[in-house]
Structures are given as C-alpha cells and as structure tokens.
PDB file of N, CA and C in Angstrom:
ATOM      1  N   MET A   1      14.349  -5.181  -7.655  1.00  0.00           N
ATOM      2  CA  MET A   1      15.076  -4.287  -6.886  1.00  0.00           C
ATOM      3  C   MET A   1      15.028  -4.478  -5.440  1.00  0.00           C
ATOM      4  N   ALA A   2      13.738  -4.838  -4.851  1.00  0.00           N
ATOM      5  CA  ALA A   2      13.503  -4.850  -3.189  1.00  0.00           C
ATOM      6  C   ALA A   2      14.423  -6.072  -3.067  1.00  0.00           C
ATOM      7  N   GLN A   3      14.324  -7.218  -3.733  1.00  0.00           N
ATOM      8  CA  GLN A   3      15.128  -8.477  -3.688  1.00  0.00           C
ATOM      9  C   GLN A   3      16.926  -8.258  -3.339  1.00  0.00           C
ATOM     10  N   ASN A   4      16.969  -7.253  -4.467  1.00  0.00           N
ATOM     11  CA  ASN A   4      18.786  -7.062  -4.813  1.00  0.00           C
ATOM     12  C   ASN A   4      19.223  -6.365  -3.405  1.00  0.00           C
ATOM     13  N   ALA A   5      18.128  -5.366  -2.504  1.00  0.00           N
ATOM     14  CA  ALA A   5      18.319  -4.929  -1.480  1.00  0.00           C
ATOM     15  C   ALA A   5      18.515  -5.658   0.034  1.00  0.00           C
ATOM     16  N   GLU A   6      17.757  -6.207  -0.098  1.00  0.00           N
ATOM     17  CA  GLU A   6      17.906  -7.845   0.738  1.00  0.00           C
ATOM     18  C   GLU A   6      19.071  -8.257   0.264  1.00  0.00           C
ATOM     19  N   ARG A   7      19.592  -8.872  -0.641  1.00  0.00           N
ATOM     20  CA  ARG A   7      20.650  -9.396  -1.075  1.00  0.00           C
ATOM     21  C   ARG A   7      21.845  -8.679  -0.331  1.00  0.00           C
ATOM     22  N   LEU A   8      21.810  -7.405  -0.688  1.00  0.00           N
ATOM     23  CA  LEU A   8      22.924  -6.584   0.009  1.00  0.00           C
ATOM     24  C   LEU A   8      23.126  -6.196   1.559  1.00  0.00           C
ATOM     25  N   LYS A   9      21.952  -6.295   1.876  1.00  0.00           N
ATOM     26  CA  LYS A   9      21.759  -6.286   3.288  1.00  0.00           C
ATOM     27  C   LYS A   9      22.020  -7.945   4.362  1.00  0.00           C
ATOM     28  N   LYS A  10      21.698  -8.739   3.727  1.00  0.00           N
ATOM     29  CA  LYS A  10      22.198  -9.891   4.465  1.00  0.00           C
ATOM     30  C   LYS A  10      23.512 -10.620   4.114  1.00  0.00           C
ATOM     31  N   GLY A  11      24.243  -9.768   3.062  1.00  0.00           N
ATOM     32  CA  GLY A  11      25.592 -10.072   2.618  1.00  0.00           C
ATOM     33  C   GLY A  11      25.660 -11.906   2.518  1.00  0.00           C
ATOM     34  N   ARG A  12      26.757 -12.510   3.367  1.00  0.00           N
ATOM     35  CA  ARG A  12      27.201 -13.583   3.064  1.00  0.00           C
ATOM     36  C   ARG A  12      25.649 -14.738   3.801  1.00  0.00           C
ATOM     37  N   LEU A  13      24.664 -14.331   4.311  1.00  0.00           N
ATOM     38  CA  LEU A  13      23.922 -14.938   4.908  1.00  0.00           C
ATOM     39  C   LEU A  13      22.592 -15.267   3.495  1.00  0.00           C
ATOM     40  N   TRP A  14      22.609 -14.900   2.565  1.00  0.00           N
ATOM     41  CA  TRP A  14      22.116 -14.693   1.420  1.00  0.00           C
ATOM     42  C   TRP A  14      22.108 -16.040   0.754  1.00  0.00           C
ATOM     43  N   GLN A  15      20.847 -16.699   0.698  1.00  0.00           N
ATOM     44  CA  GLN A  15      21.387 -18.021  -0.202  1.00  0.00           C
ATOM     45  C   GLN A  15      20.805 -17.635  -1.761  1.00  0.00           C
ATOM     46  N   ASN A  16      21.769 -17.743  -2.783  1.00  0.00           N
ATOM     47  CA  ASN A  16      20.881 -17.448  -3.801  1.00  0.00           C
ATOM     48  C   ASN A  16      20.301 -18.581  -4.589  1.00  0.00           C
ATOM     49  N   THR A  17      19.236 -18.835  -4.554  1.00  0.00           N
ATOM     50  CA  THR A  17      18.362 -20.075  -5.270  1.00  0.00           C
ATOM     51  C   THR A  17      17.415 -19.948  -6.622  1.00  0.00           C
ATOM     52  N   ASP A  18      17.798 -18.550  -7.150  1.00  0.00           N
ATOM     53  CA  ASP A  18      17.204 -17.730  -8.241  1.00  0.00           C
ATOM     54  C   ASP A  18      15.685 -18.039  -7.868  1.00  0.00           C
ATOM     55  N   LEU A  19      15.094 -17.724  -7.079  1.00  0.00           N
ATOM     56  CA  LEU A  19      13.267 -17.975  -6.857  1.00  0.00           C
ATOM     57  C   LEU A  19      13.088 -16.447  -6.929  1.00  0.00           C
ATOM     58  N   VAL A  20      12.018 -16.360  -7.016  1.00  0.00           N
ATOM     59  CA  VAL A  20      11.541 -14.858  -7.532  1.00  0.00           C
ATOM     60  C   VAL A  20      10.873 -14.568  -6.018  1.00  0.00           C
ATOM     61  N   PHE A  21       9.928 -15.471  -5.273  1.00  0.00           N
ATOM     62  CA  PHE A  21       9.596 -15.129  -3.609  1.00  0.00           C
ATOM     63  C   PHE A  21      10.397 -15.795  -2.785  1.00  0.00           C
ATOM     64  N   THR A  22      11.258 -15.183  -2.318  1.00  0.00           N
ATOM     65  CA  THR A  22      11.859 -16.132  -0.958  1.00  0.00           C
ATOM     66  C   THR A  22      11.582 -15.468   0.206  1.00  0.00           C
ATOM     67  N   THR A  23      12.335 -16.265   1.328  1.00  0.00           N
ATOM     68  CA  THR A  23      12.506 -15.572   2.866  1.00  0.00           C
ATOM     69  C   THR A  23      13.265 -14.583   2.762  1.00  0.00           C
ATOM     70  N   THR A  24      13.519 -14.065   3.928  1.00  0.00           N
ATOM     71  CA  THR A  24      14.495 -12.730   3.880  1.00  0.00           C
ATOM     72  C   THR A  24      15.881 -13.063   3.674  1.00  0.00           C
ATOM     73  N   ILE A  25      16.073 -14.474   3.791  1.00  0.00           N
ATOM     74  CA  ILE A  25      17.424 -14.827   3.473  1.00  0.00           C
ATOM     75  C   ILE A  25      17.730 -15.601   1.940  1.00  0.00           C
ATOM     76  N   GLY A  26      16.622 -15.448   1.326  1.00  0.00           N
ATOM     77  CA  GLY A  26      16.548 -16.092  -0.375  1.00  0.00           C
ATOM     78  C   GLY A  26      16.240 -17.492  -0.407  1.00  0.00           C
ATOM     79  N   THR A  27      15.783 -18.258   0.988  1.00  0.00           N
ATOM     80  CA  THR A  27      15.294 -19.673   0.695  1.00  0.00           C
ATOM     81  C   THR A  27      14.061 -20.155   0.254  1.00  0.00           C
ATOM     82  N   LEU A  28      13.396 -20.913   0.137  1.00  0.00           N
ATOM     83  CA  LEU A  28      12.450 -21.452  -0.235  1.00  0.00           C
ATOM     84  C   LEU A  28      11.580 -20.786   0.504  1.00  0.00           C
ATOM     85  N   LEU A  29       9.958 -20.586   0.277  1.00  0.00           N
ATOM     86  CA  LEU A  29       8.979 -20.212   1.523  1.00  0.00           C
ATOM     87  C   LEU A  29       8.575 -21.282   1.570  1.00  0.00           C
ATOM     88  N   ASN A  30       8.219 -21.544   2.757  1.00  0.00           N
ATOM     89  CA  ASN A  30       7.388 -22.441   3.484  1.00  0.00           C
ATOM     90  C   ASN A  30       5.785 -22.117   3.226  1.00  0.00           C
ATOM     91  N   MET A  31       5.178 -23.080   2.438  1.00  0.00           N
ATOM     92  CA  MET A  31       3.852 -22.735   2.117  1.00  0.00           C
ATOM     93  C   MET A  31       2.883 -22.653   3.379  1.00  0.00           C
ATOM     94  N   ARG A  32       3.239 -23.840   4.152  1.00  0.00           N
ATOM     95  CA  ARG A  32       2.440 -24.118   5.532  1.00  0.00           C
ATOM     96  C   ARG A  32       2.672 -22.484   6.246  1.00  0.00           C
ATOM     97  N   SER A  33       3.912 -22.165   6.419  1.00  0.00           N
ATOM     98  CA  SER A  33       4.286 -20.782   7.096  1.00  0.00           C
ATOM     99  C   SER A  33       3.285 -19.687   6.589  1.00  0.00           C
ATOM    100  N   LEU A  34       3.369 -19.421   5.129  1.00  0.00           N
ATOM    101  CA  LEU A  34       2.666 -18.435   4.267  1.00  0.00           C
ATOM    102  C   LEU A  34       1.308 -18.464   4.732  1.00  0.00           C
ATOM    103  N   THR A  35       0.496 -19.650   4.790  1.00  0.00           N
ATOM    104  CA  THR A  35      -1.051 -19.358   4.663  1.00  0.00           C
ATOM    105  C   THR A  35      -1.005 -19.449   6.013  1.00  0.00           C
ATOM    106  N   TYR A  36      -0.679 -20.021   7.224  1.00  0.00           N
ATOM    107  CA  TYR A  36      -0.813 -20.047   8.576  1.00  0.00           C
ATOM    108  C   TYR A  36      -0.592 -18.319   9.343  1.00  0.00           C
ATOM    109  N   ARG A  37       0.527 -18.280   8.758  1.00  0.00           N
ATOM    110  CA  ARG A  37       1.088 -16.475   9.488  1.00  0.00           C
ATOM    111  C   ARG A  37       0.587 -15.340   8.983  1.00  0.00           C
ATOM    112  N   SER A  38       0.630 -15.745   7.669  1.00  0.00           N
ATOM    113  CA  SER A  38       0.557 -14.534   6.763  1.00  0.00           C
ATOM    114  C   SER A  38      -0.870 -14.374   6.152  1.00  0.00           C
ATOM    115  N   PHE A  39      -1.144 -15.160   5.414  1.00  0.00           N
ATOM    116  CA  PHE A  39      -2.375 -15.143   4.645  1.00  0.00           C
ATOM    117  C   PHE A  39      -3.559 -15.223   5.298  1.00  0.00           C
ATOM    118  N   ARG A  40      -4.068 -15.970   6.327  1.00  0.00           N
ATOM    119  CA  ARG A  40      -5.428 -15.936   7.055  1.00  0.00           C
ATOM    120  C   ARG A  40      -5.115 -14.638   8.159  1.00  0.00           C
ATOM    121  N   ALA A  41      -4.192 -14.022   8.613  1.00  0.00           N
ATOM    122  CA  ALA A  41      -3.943 -12.940   9.180  1.00  0.00           C
ATOM    123  C   ALA A  41      -4.413 -11.942   8.395  1.00  0.00           C
ATOM    124  N   LEU A  42      -3.901 -11.927   7.196  1.00  0.00           N
ATOM    125  CA  LEU A  42      -4.529 -10.874   6.338  1.00  0.00           C
ATOM    126  C   LEU A  42      -5.737 -10.781   6.022  1.00  0.00           C
ATOM    127  N   LEU A  43      -6.518 -12.262   6.025  1.00  0.00           N
ATOM    128  CA  LEU A  43      -7.858 -12.357   5.706  1.00  0.00           C
ATOM    129  C   LEU A  43      -8.431 -11.717   7.042  1.00  0.00           C
ATOM    130  N   GLU A  44      -8.156 -12.237   8.026  1.00  0.00           N
ATOM    131  CA  GLU A  44      -8.859 -11.670   9.405  1.00  0.00           C
ATOM    132  C   GLU A  44      -8.680 -10.364   9.196  1.00  0.00           C
ATOM    133  N   HIS A  45      -7.462  -9.695   9.246  1.00  0.00           N
ATOM    134  CA  HIS A  45      -7.515  -8.113   9.152  1.00  0.00           C
ATOM    135  C   HIS A  45      -8.176  -7.400   8.411  1.00  0.00           C
ATOM    136  N   VAL A  46      -8.458  -7.597   6.842  1.00  0.00           N
ATOM    137  CA  VAL A  46      -9.606  -6.982   5.887  1.00  0.00           C
ATOM    138  C   VAL A  46     -10.761  -7.446   6.555  1.00  0.00           C
ATOM    139  N   GLY A  47     -11.366  -8.655   7.263  1.00  0.00           N
ATOM    140  CA  GLY A  47     -12.761  -9.075   7.452  1.00  0.00           C
ATOM    141  C   GLY A  47     -13.014 -10.091   6.711  1.00  0.00           C
ATOM    142  N   LEU A  48     -12.334 -10.862   5.711  1.00  0.00           N
ATOM    143  CA  LEU A  48     -12.812 -11.554   4.782  1.00  0.00           C
ATOM    144  C   LEU A  48     -12.769 -12.925   5.563  1.00  0.00           C
ATOM    145  N   PRO A  49     -13.782 -13.916   4.837  1.00  0.00           N
ATOM    146  CA  PRO A  49     -14.118 -15.321   5.586  1.00  0.00           C
ATOM    147  C   PRO A  49     -12.609 -16.099   5.127  1.00  0.00           C
ATOM    148  N   ARG A  50     -12.435 -17.076   6.288  1.00  0.00           N
ATOM    149  CA  ARG A  50     -11.079 -18.045   5.920  1.00  0.00           C
ATOM    150  C   ARG A  50     -11.388 -18.935   4.761  1.00  0.00           C
ATOM    151  N   ILE A  51     -10.361 -18.793   3.760  1.00  0.00           N
ATOM    152  CA  ILE A  51     -10.508 -19.628   2.591  1.00  0.00           C
ATOM    153  C   ILE A  51      -9.034 -19.933   2.094  1.00  0.00           C
ATOM    154  N   ARG A  52      -9.223 -21.206   1.382  1.00  0.00           N
ATOM    155  CA  ARG A  52      -7.468 -21.762   1.063  1.00  0.00           C
ATOM    156  C   ARG A  52      -7.126 -20.954   0.419  1.00  0.00           C
ATOM    157  N   PHE A  53      -5.636 -20.896   0.284  1.00  0.00           N
ATOM    158  CA  PHE A  53      -4.879 -20.189  -0.393  1.00  0.00           C
ATOM    159  C   PHE A  53      -5.245 -20.310  -1.879  1.00  0.00           C
ATOM    160  N   HIS A  54      -5.467 -21.612  -2.473  1.00  0.00           N
ATOM    161  CA  HIS A  54      -5.590 -21.901  -3.940  1.00  0.00           C
ATOM    162  C   HIS A  54      -6.967 -21.432  -4.258  1.00  0.00           C
ATOM    163  N   ASP A  55      -8.061 -21.165  -3.362  1.00  0.00           N
ATOM    164  CA  ASP A  55      -9.235 -20.754  -3.531  1.00  0.00           C
ATOM    165  C   ASP A  55      -9.206 -19.232  -4.241  1.00  0.00           C
ATOM    166  N   LEU A  56      -7.833 -18.453  -4.242  1.00  0.00           N
ATOM    167  CA  LEU A  56      -7.715 -17.295  -4.810  1.00  0.00           C
ATOM    168  C   LEU A  56      -7.944 -17.268  -6.464  1.00  0.00           C
ATOM    169  N   ARG A  57      -7.430 -18.266  -6.622  1.00  0.00           N
ATOM    170  CA  ARG A  57      -7.598 -19.124  -8.118  1.00  0.00           C
ATOM    171  C   ARG A  57      -8.628 -18.922  -8.566  1.00  0.00           C
ATOM    172  N   HIS A  58      -9.614 -19.694  -7.965  1.00  0.00           N
ATOM    173  CA  HIS A  58     -11.123 -19.905  -8.725  1.00  0.00           C
ATOM    174  C   HIS A  58     -11.944 -18.383  -8.431  1.00  0.00           C
ATOM    175  N   THR A  59     -11.238 -17.871  -7.136  1.00  0.00           N
ATOM    176  CA  THR A  59     -12.298 -16.392  -6.978  1.00  0.00           C
ATOM    177  C   THR A  59     -12.063 -15.487  -8.303  1.00  0.00           C
ATOM    178  N   PHE A  60     -10.537 -15.665  -8.495  1.00  0.00           N
ATOM    179  CA  PHE A  60      -9.921 -14.470  -9.516  1.00  0.00           C
ATOM    180  C   PHE A  60     -10.873 -14.693 -10.300  1.00  0.00           C
ATOM    181  N   ALA A  61     -10.896 -15.981 -11.210  1.00  0.00           N
ATOM    182  CA  ALA A  61     -11.670 -16.788 -12.395  1.00  0.00           C
ATOM    183  C   ALA A  61     -12.930 -16.251 -12.453  1.00  0.00           C
ATOM    184  N   THR A  62     -13.442 -16.184 -11.066  1.00  0.00           N
ATOM    185  CA  THR A  62     -15.140 -16.077 -11.183  1.00  0.00           C
ATOM    186  C   THR A  62     -15.179 -14.420 -11.212  1.00  0.00           C
ATOM    187  N   LEU A  63     -14.510 -13.802 -10.673  1.00  0.00           N
ATOM    188  CA  LEU A  63     -14.696 -12.147 -10.935  1.00  0.00           C
ATOM    189  C   LEU A  63     -14.493 -11.672 -12.273  1.00  0.00           C
ATOM    190  N   LEU A  64     -13.549 -12.356 -12.807  1.00  0.00           N
ATOM    191  CA  LEU A  64     -13.210 -11.823 -14.417  1.00  0.00           C
ATOM    192  C   LEU A  64     -14.556 -12.525 -15.294  1.00  0.00           C
ATOM    193  N   LEU A  65     -15.120 -14.026 -15.050  1.00  0.00           N
ATOM    194  CA  LEU A  65     -15.878 -14.193 -15.627  1.00  0.00           C
ATOM    195  C   LEU A  65     -17.452 -12.986 -15.651  1.00  0.00           C
ATOM    196  N   SER A  66     -17.473 -12.587 -14.557  1.00  0.00           N
ATOM    197  CA  SER A  66     -18.762 -12.026 -13.800  1.00  0.00           C
ATOM    198  C   SER A  66     -18.524 -10.474 -14.589  1.00  0.00           C
ATOM    199  N   SER A  67     -17.344 -10.203 -14.945  1.00  0.00           N
ATOM    200  CA  SER A  67     -17.083  -8.978 -15.513  1.00  0.00           C
ATOM    201  C   SER A  67     -17.042  -9.161 -16.985  1.00  0.00           C
ATOM    202  N   LYS A  68     -17.620 -10.355 -17.626  1.00  0.00           N
ATOM    203  CA  LYS A  68     -17.702 -10.454 -19.034  1.00  0.00           C
ATOM    204  C   LYS A  68     -16.425 -10.558 -19.797  1.00  0.00           C
ATOM    205  N   THR A  69     -15.503 -11.123 -19.072  1.00  0.00           N
ATOM    206  CA  THR A  69     -14.479 -11.374 -19.667  1.00  0.00           C
ATOM    207  C   THR A  69     -14.538 -12.660 -20.434  1.00  0.00           C
ATOM    208  N   HIS A  70     -13.704 -12.560 -21.637  1.00  0.00           N
ATOM    209  CA  HIS A  70     -14.099 -14.378 -22.191  1.00  0.00           C
ATOM    210  C   HIS A  70     -13.616 -15.286 -21.760  1.00  0.00           C
ATOM    211  N   ALA A  71     -14.001 -16.192 -21.693  1.00  0.00           N
ATOM    212  CA  ALA A  71     -13.537 -17.337 -21.101  1.00  0.00           C
ATOM    213  C   ALA A  71     -12.190 -18.072 -21.709  1.00  0.00           C
ATOM    214  N   LYS A  72     -11.830 -17.663 -22.717  1.00  0.00           N
ATOM    215  CA  LYS A  72     -10.660 -17.958 -23.614  1.00  0.00           C
ATOM    216  C   LYS A  72      -9.820 -17.179 -22.286  1.00  0.00           C
ATOM    217  N   ILE A  73      -9.819 -16.155 -22.111  1.00  0.00           N
ATOM    218  CA  ILE A  73      -8.671 -15.472 -21.537  1.00  0.00           C
ATOM    219  C   ILE A  73      -8.690 -15.968 -19.900  1.00  0.00           C
ATOM    220  N   VAL A  74      -9.605 -15.949 -19.362  1.00  0.00           N
ATOM    221  CA  VAL A  74      -9.853 -16.301 -18.117  1.00  0.00           C
ATOM    222  C   VAL A  74      -9.168 -18.088 -17.722  1.00  0.00           C
TER     223      VAL A  74
END
C-alpha cells in the first residue's frame, strides 16, 4: 500500500523494478547506504552496540532458541 502511494507521488520518476524494498523512486537499495546511514543510526538511537546487519539473523536465531523454539523451526 505505501509503495503504491509512493509510485503515484513520484509519477514518471518511479522506476518499476518489482522489488519489495526500494528507494523512494523504486530503485534497488544500496546496502552500504542502508547500513551506514540508517542501521547504525538506529542502533545508536536505541542504545544498542554496533553490530553488522547480517548479525541480526544470528541474534534472532539465538533469541528463538533461548525461548525454547525447536531447532528445526529456527
């Protein structure tokens, strides 16, 4: 829904790439920009230590295992 609204707002500037997560004009996200501008700023804002974006996957798995979720599901 939000992406459709962005498409309409941007009009001819929108680049239809059929991606789920895009920039404000529909293009591929730059992982470096996402990591340095958004992710690290978010970690700092909420007082969490600096970790790699990929580490979220491991953190989530650890949290699931510690909450007794079966390993096959994790």
